[in-house]
Amino acid sequence: MPAVTITNALTIDVEDYFQVSAFAPHIARSEWNTRECRVERNINCILEMLAHRDIKATFFTLGWIAERYPQLVRQIVQEGHELASHGYGHERASDQTEEAFFSDIHLAKVVLEDLAGSAVNGYRAPSFSIGAGNLWAFDCLARAGYRYSSSIYPIRHDHYGMPNSPRFAYEVRPGLVEIPITTLRVLNRNLPSSGGGYFRLLPYALSRWMLSRVNNDDRESGIFYFHPWEIDTGQPRIAGISSKTRFRHYVNIGRMQGRLNQLLGDFKWGRMDRIFLDKFTKHVTAT
């Protein structure tokens, strides 16, 4: 049975379907303003799901989205959720120079804080794009005033991953905590256990079992993440993409909302800052 005494972090990466990194070769940034935006409808649906169960979550939000839907950002905060940063323009950290990355994360923080009227402490890199080759990104995050990052995925993947990094939260720079995406350690290998496309692909019972193992065996809080477009069966289909990209993006989208509802009922959920940041701050103070 899932552990009920441990609170896991529910996180949403707030971006629209046309901003997905895998679609970048097919949709130019100059086209974003001409595309049908569906993020507002999808976020409202998610907010209703969370309100129904009185669950608070963390919304890693693009500055680009926030500028176009300021009331949506304010609603997220007014309903008691944590507003965090997903950068401004959904550019992978690994594709940017240090200067460009700092400008992006600084701009996103300013935009989000000005619109919401609340502090933004957390950041998540698009496509978990902080890894061994760009650890300077943590220096930028600390300089920009962030208190935590959730940007490293300790697995092997063709687009991201840092399999040898710590599996659980650690201070990566003075005053900056990295909270890696949740994995389960099995046979000397980290298995993805935190949502996204894996959650849509794998049987629900397996996803539930993996998160339960992290709670019960590791005695650690897990992180679950998903995107608003993952519950949207009516999103426009993108032409010309590879079969691999098509499968990853669209597999089991029609089942996602039902699985989410089941997951929300099977575990205890909360915000990233209240689970990890507060706990880590107390630990550092105590030691």
Foldseek 3Di string as FASTA:
>chain_A
DFDAVAAAAEEEEEDFPCLAPLCPVPAPPVCPVVFDGDRLVLLVVVVVLCVVVVAAHEYAYALCVCVVCLVSLQVNVVSPHHYAHQWHRLDAPLVDDLVVLLVGRLVSQVSSCVSNVDHHAEYEYRVLRDEPVPLVSVVSSVVSPHQEYARAELADDPRHHHVPDDQAWDAPDVRYIYGYAHFAQDPNHTHHQAEALVCLVDDLVVSSVRQSCCCPVVVDHHHHYYYSCLLPPPHDDRPDRDPVVVCSRNRNSPCVVVSVSVVPVVYHYHYPCVNPVVVVVVVVVVD
